Amino acid sequence: MRCGLVQTEVLTRSSRASEVADACSALIDSGLESNFLARISDLGVGIRQQVWIDGHPVDFLIGDRLVVQIYGFEYHSSFSARRRDLDADARLVLLGYTVLRFGYRQVMFEWERVEAVIVTAVAQRIHLAGHERA
């Protein structure tokens, strides 16, 4: 949708595609991110997309301090891309953020585990500013 390859009107023609279209926005970079957002949006906490932190966008920011990065194989298949991501994660941690990174297989086929990790982080209040780790 962001690239103009699919219009919302086309997606709303089927009920399942309509659910995904409701979760889509011009901020989402991939179908995988749309899928993630559609599934996690019932969490009951603020979720923002493509938030700029430390001069770089993060895929999702849950609450104040929980960064979720979603990656597919194509975008992150090179060593340099992986190194860039690790560097960005380290900088975010030093700034007080918790970074969770999930891949295609996890989001698409192991959703219960992904959801459990995020729900646990929220239950531990990791997503809130001022959260003190033991």
N, C-alpha and C. Protein backbone atom coordinates (compact mmCIF):
# COMPACT_ATOMS: atom_id res chain seq x y z
N MET A 1 0.82 -1.19 0.00
CA MET A 1 0.00 0.00 0.00
C MET A 1 0.87 1.26 0.00
N ARG A 2 1.94 1.24 0.81
CA ARG A 2 2.81 2.41 0.88
C ARG A 2 3.44 2.72 -0.46
N CYS A 3 3.74 1.67 -1.22
CA CYS A 3 4.38 1.84 -2.52
C CYS A 3 3.36 2.09 -3.64
N GLY A 4 2.07 2.03 -3.32
CA GLY A 4 1.04 2.25 -4.32
C GLY A 4 0.77 1.04 -5.20
N LEU A 5 1.24 -0.14 -4.79
CA LEU A 5 1.03 -1.35 -5.59
C LEU A 5 -0.32 -2.00 -5.34
N VAL A 6 -0.91 -1.71 -4.19
CA VAL A 6 -2.23 -2.26 -3.84
C VAL A 6 -3.06 -1.14 -3.25
N GLN A 7 -4.31 -1.07 -3.65
CA GLN A 7 -5.20 -0.05 -3.11
C GLN A 7 -6.09 -0.68 -2.04
N THR A 8 -6.45 0.11 -1.05
CA THR A 8 -7.30 -0.37 0.04
C THR A 8 -8.60 -0.94 -0.49
N GLU A 9 -9.17 -0.33 -1.49
CA GLU A 9 -10.45 -0.78 -2.04
C GLU A 9 -10.37 -2.22 -2.55
N VAL A 10 -9.22 -2.59 -3.10
CA VAL A 10 -9.05 -3.95 -3.61
C VAL A 10 -9.02 -4.94 -2.46
N LEU A 11 -8.32 -4.59 -1.40
CA LEU A 11 -8.21 -5.50 -0.26
C LEU A 11 -9.53 -5.69 0.47
N THR A 12 -10.38 -4.71 0.46
CA THR A 12 -11.62 -4.81 1.23
C THR A 12 -12.67 -5.68 0.55
N ARG A 13 -12.35 -6.27 -0.58
CA ARG A 13 -13.30 -7.13 -1.29
C ARG A 13 -13.46 -8.51 -0.65
N SER A 14 -12.48 -8.95 0.14
CA SER A 14 -12.63 -10.23 0.84
C SER A 14 -12.51 -9.96 2.34
N SER A 15 -13.18 -10.80 3.15
CA SER A 15 -13.21 -10.53 4.58
C SER A 15 -11.84 -10.62 5.23
N ARG A 16 -11.02 -11.63 4.89
CA ARG A 16 -9.69 -11.76 5.50
C ARG A 16 -8.77 -10.62 5.06
N ALA A 17 -8.79 -10.33 3.77
CA ALA A 17 -7.96 -9.24 3.27
C ALA A 17 -8.42 -7.91 3.87
N SER A 18 -9.70 -7.78 4.13
CA SER A 18 -10.24 -6.57 4.73
C SER A 18 -9.69 -6.37 6.14
N GLU A 19 -9.54 -7.48 6.90
CA GLU A 19 -8.95 -7.40 8.24
C GLU A 19 -7.52 -6.88 8.17
N VAL A 20 -6.76 -7.38 7.21
CA VAL A 20 -5.38 -6.95 7.04
C VAL A 20 -5.35 -5.48 6.60
N ALA A 21 -6.24 -5.12 5.69
CA ALA A 21 -6.29 -3.74 5.19
C ALA A 21 -6.57 -2.77 6.33
N ASP A 22 -7.41 -3.18 7.29
CA ASP A 22 -7.71 -2.31 8.42
C ASP A 22 -6.46 -2.01 9.25
N ALA A 23 -5.52 -2.96 9.26
CA ALA A 23 -4.29 -2.78 10.04
C ALA A 23 -3.19 -2.09 9.25
N CYS A 24 -3.39 -1.91 7.97
CA CYS A 24 -2.35 -1.32 7.12
C CYS A 24 -2.35 0.20 7.24
N SER A 25 -1.20 0.75 6.96
CA SER A 25 -1.10 2.20 6.89
C SER A 25 0.04 2.54 5.96
N ALA A 26 0.12 3.80 5.64
CA ALA A 26 1.20 4.26 4.77
C ALA A 26 2.56 4.17 5.46
N LEU A 27 2.57 3.89 6.75
CA LEU A 27 3.83 3.79 7.50
C LEU A 27 4.45 2.40 7.44
N ILE A 28 3.66 1.40 7.08
CA ILE A 28 4.15 0.02 7.13
C ILE A 28 4.97 -0.28 5.88
N ASP A 29 6.11 -0.94 6.10
CA ASP A 29 7.04 -1.24 5.02
C ASP A 29 6.80 -2.57 4.32
N SER A 30 6.05 -3.49 4.95
CA SER A 30 5.90 -4.81 4.33
C SER A 30 4.61 -5.47 4.78
N GLY A 31 4.23 -6.51 4.03
CA GLY A 31 3.09 -7.32 4.41
C GLY A 31 3.31 -8.01 5.74
N LEU A 32 4.55 -8.38 6.00
CA LEU A 32 4.88 -9.02 7.28
C LEU A 32 4.61 -8.07 8.44
N GLU A 33 4.95 -6.80 8.27
CA GLU A 33 4.67 -5.81 9.32
C GLU A 33 3.16 -5.62 9.47
N SER A 34 2.42 -5.61 8.36
CA SER A 34 0.96 -5.50 8.43
C SER A 34 0.37 -6.66 9.20
N ASN A 35 0.86 -7.86 8.92
CA ASN A 35 0.40 -9.06 9.61
C ASN A 35 0.67 -8.94 11.11
N PHE A 36 1.88 -8.52 11.46
CA PHE A 36 2.24 -8.34 12.87
C PHE A 36 1.29 -7.35 13.54
N LEU A 37 1.07 -6.20 12.92
CA LEU A 37 0.23 -5.16 13.52
C LEU A 37 -1.20 -5.64 13.68
N ALA A 38 -1.73 -6.34 12.69
CA ALA A 38 -3.09 -6.85 12.78
C ALA A 38 -3.24 -7.81 13.96
N ARG A 39 -2.21 -8.59 14.21
CA ARG A 39 -2.28 -9.59 15.28
C ARG A 39 -2.03 -8.99 16.67
N ILE A 40 -1.21 -7.97 16.76
CA ILE A 40 -0.82 -7.45 18.07
C ILE A 40 -1.64 -6.24 18.49
N SER A 41 -2.48 -5.73 17.63
CA SER A 41 -3.18 -4.48 17.92
C SER A 41 -4.15 -4.58 19.09
N ASP A 42 -4.55 -5.79 19.50
CA ASP A 42 -5.45 -5.95 20.64
C ASP A 42 -4.72 -5.97 21.98
N LEU A 43 -3.46 -5.64 21.99
CA LEU A 43 -2.64 -5.71 23.20
C LEU A 43 -3.12 -4.74 24.28
N GLY A 44 -3.72 -3.65 23.88
CA GLY A 44 -4.25 -2.71 24.85
C GLY A 44 -3.26 -1.64 25.31
N VAL A 45 -2.14 -1.52 24.61
CA VAL A 45 -1.17 -0.46 24.91
C VAL A 45 -0.87 0.28 23.61
N GLY A 46 -0.32 1.46 23.74
CA GLY A 46 0.00 2.25 22.55
C GLY A 46 1.06 1.58 21.69
N ILE A 47 0.78 1.47 20.41
CA ILE A 47 1.73 0.92 19.45
C ILE A 47 1.88 1.94 18.32
N ARG A 48 3.10 2.42 18.14
CA ARG A 48 3.36 3.38 17.06
C ARG A 48 4.27 2.75 16.03
N GLN A 49 4.11 3.16 14.78
CA GLN A 49 4.87 2.60 13.67
C GLN A 49 5.89 3.60 13.14
N GLN A 50 7.03 3.06 12.71
CA GLN A 50 8.07 3.85 12.06
C GLN A 50 8.42 5.10 12.88
N VAL A 51 8.72 4.88 14.13
CA VAL A 51 9.13 5.95 15.04
C VAL A 51 10.64 6.16 14.88
N TRP A 52 11.05 7.41 14.76
CA TRP A 52 12.48 7.72 14.62
C TRP A 52 13.10 7.85 16.00
N ILE A 53 14.11 7.03 16.24
CA ILE A 53 14.87 7.06 17.50
C ILE A 53 16.34 7.00 17.12
N ASP A 54 17.13 7.87 17.69
CA ASP A 54 18.57 7.88 17.43
C ASP A 54 18.88 8.03 15.94
N GLY A 55 18.04 8.79 15.24
CA GLY A 55 18.29 9.05 13.82
C GLY A 55 17.89 7.95 12.87
N HIS A 56 17.19 6.92 13.37
CA HIS A 56 16.78 5.80 12.53
C HIS A 56 15.35 5.39 12.87
N PRO A 57 14.59 4.92 11.89
CA PRO A 57 13.23 4.46 12.20
C PRO A 57 13.25 3.05 12.79
N VAL A 58 12.35 2.81 13.74
CA VAL A 58 12.12 1.45 14.23
C VAL A 58 10.74 1.04 13.73
N ASP A 59 10.56 -0.26 13.52
CA ASP A 59 9.28 -0.73 12.96
C ASP A 59 8.11 -0.40 13.88
N PHE A 60 8.24 -0.75 15.16
CA PHE A 60 7.16 -0.51 16.12
C PHE A 60 7.75 -0.09 17.46
N LEU A 61 7.07 0.84 18.10
CA LEU A 61 7.40 1.22 19.47
C LEU A 61 6.15 0.97 20.30
N ILE A 62 6.27 0.06 21.25
CA ILE A 62 5.16 -0.27 22.14
C ILE A 62 5.38 0.48 23.43
N GLY A 63 4.40 1.29 23.79
CA GLY A 63 4.56 2.13 24.97
C GLY A 63 5.68 3.13 24.74
N ASP A 64 6.50 3.31 25.75
CA ASP A 64 7.58 4.29 25.67
C ASP A 64 8.93 3.68 25.32
N ARG A 65 9.13 2.38 25.64
CA ARG A 65 10.49 1.84 25.62
C ARG A 65 10.67 0.47 24.98
N LEU A 66 9.62 -0.13 24.45
CA LEU A 66 9.75 -1.47 23.86
C LEU A 66 9.74 -1.37 22.34
N VAL A 67 10.88 -1.62 21.74
CA VAL A 67 11.04 -1.56 20.29
C VAL A 67 10.86 -2.97 19.73
N VAL A 68 10.04 -3.09 18.70
CA VAL A 68 9.88 -4.38 18.01
C VAL A 68 10.28 -4.17 16.56
N GLN A 69 11.24 -4.95 16.13
CA GLN A 69 11.72 -4.93 14.75
C GLN A 69 11.27 -6.23 14.08
N ILE A 70 10.70 -6.10 12.91
CA ILE A 70 10.22 -7.24 12.13
C ILE A 70 11.08 -7.31 10.87
N TYR A 71 11.60 -8.50 10.58
CA TYR A 71 12.45 -8.60 9.41
C TYR A 71 12.17 -9.86 8.61
N GLY A 72 12.21 -9.68 7.31
CA GLY A 72 12.10 -10.79 6.39
C GLY A 72 13.48 -11.14 5.87
N PHE A 73 13.62 -12.29 5.30
CA PHE A 73 14.93 -12.77 4.84
C PHE A 73 15.53 -11.86 3.77
N GLU A 74 14.72 -11.44 2.79
CA GLU A 74 15.27 -10.65 1.68
C GLU A 74 15.98 -9.40 2.16
N TYR A 75 15.38 -8.67 3.06
CA TYR A 75 15.95 -7.40 3.49
C TYR A 75 17.18 -7.60 4.37
N HIS A 76 17.22 -8.68 5.12
CA HIS A 76 18.28 -8.87 6.10
C HIS A 76 19.18 -10.06 5.77
N SER A 77 19.32 -10.38 4.51
CA SER A 77 20.10 -11.56 4.15
C SER A 77 21.60 -11.28 4.03
N SER A 78 22.00 -10.03 3.96
CA SER A 78 23.42 -9.73 3.81
C SER A 78 24.07 -9.49 5.18
N PHE A 79 25.36 -9.76 5.23
CA PHE A 79 26.11 -9.56 6.47
C PHE A 79 26.10 -8.09 6.87
N SER A 80 26.23 -7.19 5.92
CA SER A 80 26.28 -5.76 6.26
C SER A 80 24.95 -5.29 6.84
N ALA A 81 23.83 -5.79 6.32
CA ALA A 81 22.52 -5.41 6.87
C ALA A 81 22.37 -5.94 8.29
N ARG A 82 22.81 -7.15 8.51
CA ARG A 82 22.73 -7.74 9.86
C ARG A 82 23.62 -6.96 10.83
N ARG A 83 24.81 -6.59 10.42
CA ARG A 83 25.71 -5.81 11.27
C ARG A 83 25.10 -4.44 11.59
N ARG A 84 24.49 -3.82 10.61
CA ARG A 84 23.84 -2.52 10.82
C ARG A 84 22.72 -2.66 11.86
N ASP A 85 21.94 -3.74 11.76
CA ASP A 85 20.87 -3.97 12.72
C ASP A 85 21.40 -4.19 14.12
N LEU A 86 22.47 -4.96 14.24
CA LEU A 86 23.07 -5.21 15.56
C LEU A 86 23.60 -3.92 16.17
N ASP A 87 24.23 -3.09 15.36
CA ASP A 87 24.73 -1.79 15.83
C ASP A 87 23.57 -0.92 16.32
N ALA A 88 22.48 -0.89 15.55
CA ALA A 88 21.31 -0.09 15.92
C ALA A 88 20.70 -0.61 17.21
N ASP A 89 20.60 -1.93 17.34
CA ASP A 89 20.06 -2.52 18.57
C ASP A 89 20.89 -2.13 19.78
N ALA A 90 22.21 -2.18 19.64
CA ALA A 90 23.10 -1.82 20.75
C ALA A 90 22.90 -0.36 21.15
N ARG A 91 22.80 0.53 20.17
CA ARG A 91 22.58 1.94 20.48
C ARG A 91 21.25 2.15 21.20
N LEU A 92 20.21 1.45 20.75
CA LEU A 92 18.89 1.58 21.38
C LEU A 92 18.93 1.09 22.83
N VAL A 93 19.60 -0.01 23.08
CA VAL A 93 19.72 -0.53 24.44
C VAL A 93 20.44 0.48 25.33
N LEU A 94 21.50 1.07 24.82
CA LEU A 94 22.23 2.07 25.60
C LEU A 94 21.39 3.31 25.89
N LEU A 95 20.39 3.57 25.05
CA LEU A 95 19.48 4.69 25.27
C LEU A 95 18.31 4.32 26.19
N GLY A 96 18.28 3.07 26.65
CA GLY A 96 17.24 2.65 27.60
C GLY A 96 16.08 1.89 27.00
N TYR A 97 16.16 1.51 25.74
CA TYR A 97 15.09 0.75 25.10
C TYR A 97 15.37 -0.74 25.21
N THR A 98 14.31 -1.54 25.19
CA THR A 98 14.42 -2.98 25.03
C THR A 98 14.06 -3.27 23.58
N VAL A 99 14.86 -4.07 22.91
CA VAL A 99 14.64 -4.37 21.50
C VAL A 99 14.30 -5.85 21.35
N LEU A 100 13.15 -6.11 20.73
CA LEU A 100 12.76 -7.47 20.36
C LEU A 100 12.75 -7.54 18.85
N ARG A 101 13.36 -8.56 18.31
CA ARG A 101 13.49 -8.70 16.86
C ARG A 101 12.89 -10.05 16.47
N PHE A 102 11.93 -10.04 15.54
CA PHE A 102 11.27 -11.25 15.10
C PHE A 102 11.36 -11.38 13.59
N GLY A 103 11.56 -12.60 13.12
CA GLY A 103 11.66 -12.88 11.70
C GLY A 103 10.37 -13.42 11.10
N TYR A 104 10.41 -13.61 9.81
CA TYR A 104 9.25 -14.07 9.04
C TYR A 104 8.65 -15.35 9.63
N ARG A 105 9.48 -16.36 9.82
CA ARG A 105 8.97 -17.65 10.30
C ARG A 105 8.28 -17.49 11.65
N GLN A 106 8.86 -16.70 12.52
CA GLN A 106 8.27 -16.50 13.84
C GLN A 106 6.90 -15.83 13.73
N VAL A 107 6.81 -14.74 12.97
CA VAL A 107 5.55 -14.00 12.86
C VAL A 107 4.47 -14.84 12.16
N MET A 108 4.86 -15.55 11.14
CA MET A 108 3.87 -16.28 10.35
C MET A 108 3.51 -17.65 10.91
N PHE A 109 4.47 -18.35 11.52
CA PHE A 109 4.23 -19.74 11.90
C PHE A 109 4.41 -20.04 13.38
N GLU A 110 4.94 -19.09 14.13
CA GLU A 110 5.15 -19.29 15.56
C GLU A 110 4.56 -18.13 16.35
N TRP A 111 3.39 -17.66 15.90
CA TRP A 111 2.80 -16.46 16.46
C TRP A 111 2.59 -16.55 17.97
N GLU A 112 2.17 -17.70 18.46
CA GLU A 112 1.89 -17.83 19.88
C GLU A 112 3.12 -17.49 20.72
N ARG A 113 4.29 -17.88 20.25
CA ARG A 113 5.54 -17.59 20.97
C ARG A 113 5.87 -16.10 20.91
N VAL A 114 5.69 -15.50 19.74
CA VAL A 114 5.94 -14.05 19.58
C VAL A 114 5.01 -13.27 20.51
N GLU A 115 3.75 -13.60 20.46
CA GLU A 115 2.77 -12.92 21.30
C GLU A 115 3.09 -13.10 22.78
N ALA A 116 3.49 -14.29 23.17
CA ALA A 116 3.82 -14.56 24.57
C ALA A 116 4.99 -13.70 25.05
N VAL A 117 6.00 -13.53 24.20
CA VAL A 117 7.15 -12.70 24.57
C VAL A 117 6.72 -11.25 24.77
N ILE A 118 5.92 -10.74 23.85
CA ILE A 118 5.49 -9.34 23.94
C ILE A 118 4.56 -9.13 25.13
N VAL A 119 3.62 -10.04 25.33
CA VAL A 119 2.70 -9.93 26.46
C VAL A 119 3.48 -9.99 27.78
N THR A 120 4.47 -10.86 27.86
CA THR A 120 5.30 -10.95 29.06
C THR A 120 6.07 -9.65 29.30
N ALA A 121 6.63 -9.08 28.24
CA ALA A 121 7.36 -7.81 28.38
C ALA A 121 6.43 -6.71 28.88
N VAL A 122 5.21 -6.65 28.36
CA VAL A 122 4.24 -5.64 28.80
C VAL A 122 3.82 -5.92 30.25
N ALA A 123 3.61 -7.18 30.60
CA ALA A 123 3.24 -7.52 31.98
C ALA A 123 4.34 -7.13 32.95
N GLN A 124 5.58 -7.20 32.50
CA GLN A 124 6.72 -6.79 33.34
C GLN A 124 6.95 -5.29 33.28
N ARG A 125 6.13 -4.59 32.52
CA ARG A 125 6.16 -3.12 32.40
C ARG A 125 7.43 -2.61 31.71
N ILE A 126 8.06 -3.47 30.94
CA ILE A 126 9.27 -3.11 30.21
C ILE A 126 8.99 -2.01 29.18
N HIS A 127 7.76 -1.91 28.73
CA HIS A 127 7.39 -0.92 27.72
C HIS A 127 7.26 0.49 28.27
N LEU A 128 7.33 0.65 29.57
CA LEU A 128 7.11 1.96 30.19
C LEU A 128 8.41 2.67 30.53
N ALA A 129 8.42 3.97 30.34
CA ALA A 129 9.55 4.78 30.77
C ALA A 129 9.62 4.72 32.28
N GLY A 130 10.83 4.71 32.82
CA GLY A 130 11.00 4.66 34.27
C GLY A 130 10.96 3.25 34.83
N HIS A 131 10.79 2.27 33.96
CA HIS A 131 10.79 0.88 34.42
C HIS A 131 12.18 0.53 34.92
N GLU A 132 12.27 0.02 36.10
CA GLU A 132 13.56 -0.37 36.67
C GLU A 132 13.74 -1.87 36.55
N ARG A 133 14.85 -2.30 35.98
CA ARG A 133 15.14 -3.73 35.91
C ARG A 133 15.82 -4.17 37.20
N ALA A 134 15.46 -5.36 37.62
CA ALA A 134 16.08 -5.90 38.85
C ALA A 134 17.49 -6.36 38.60
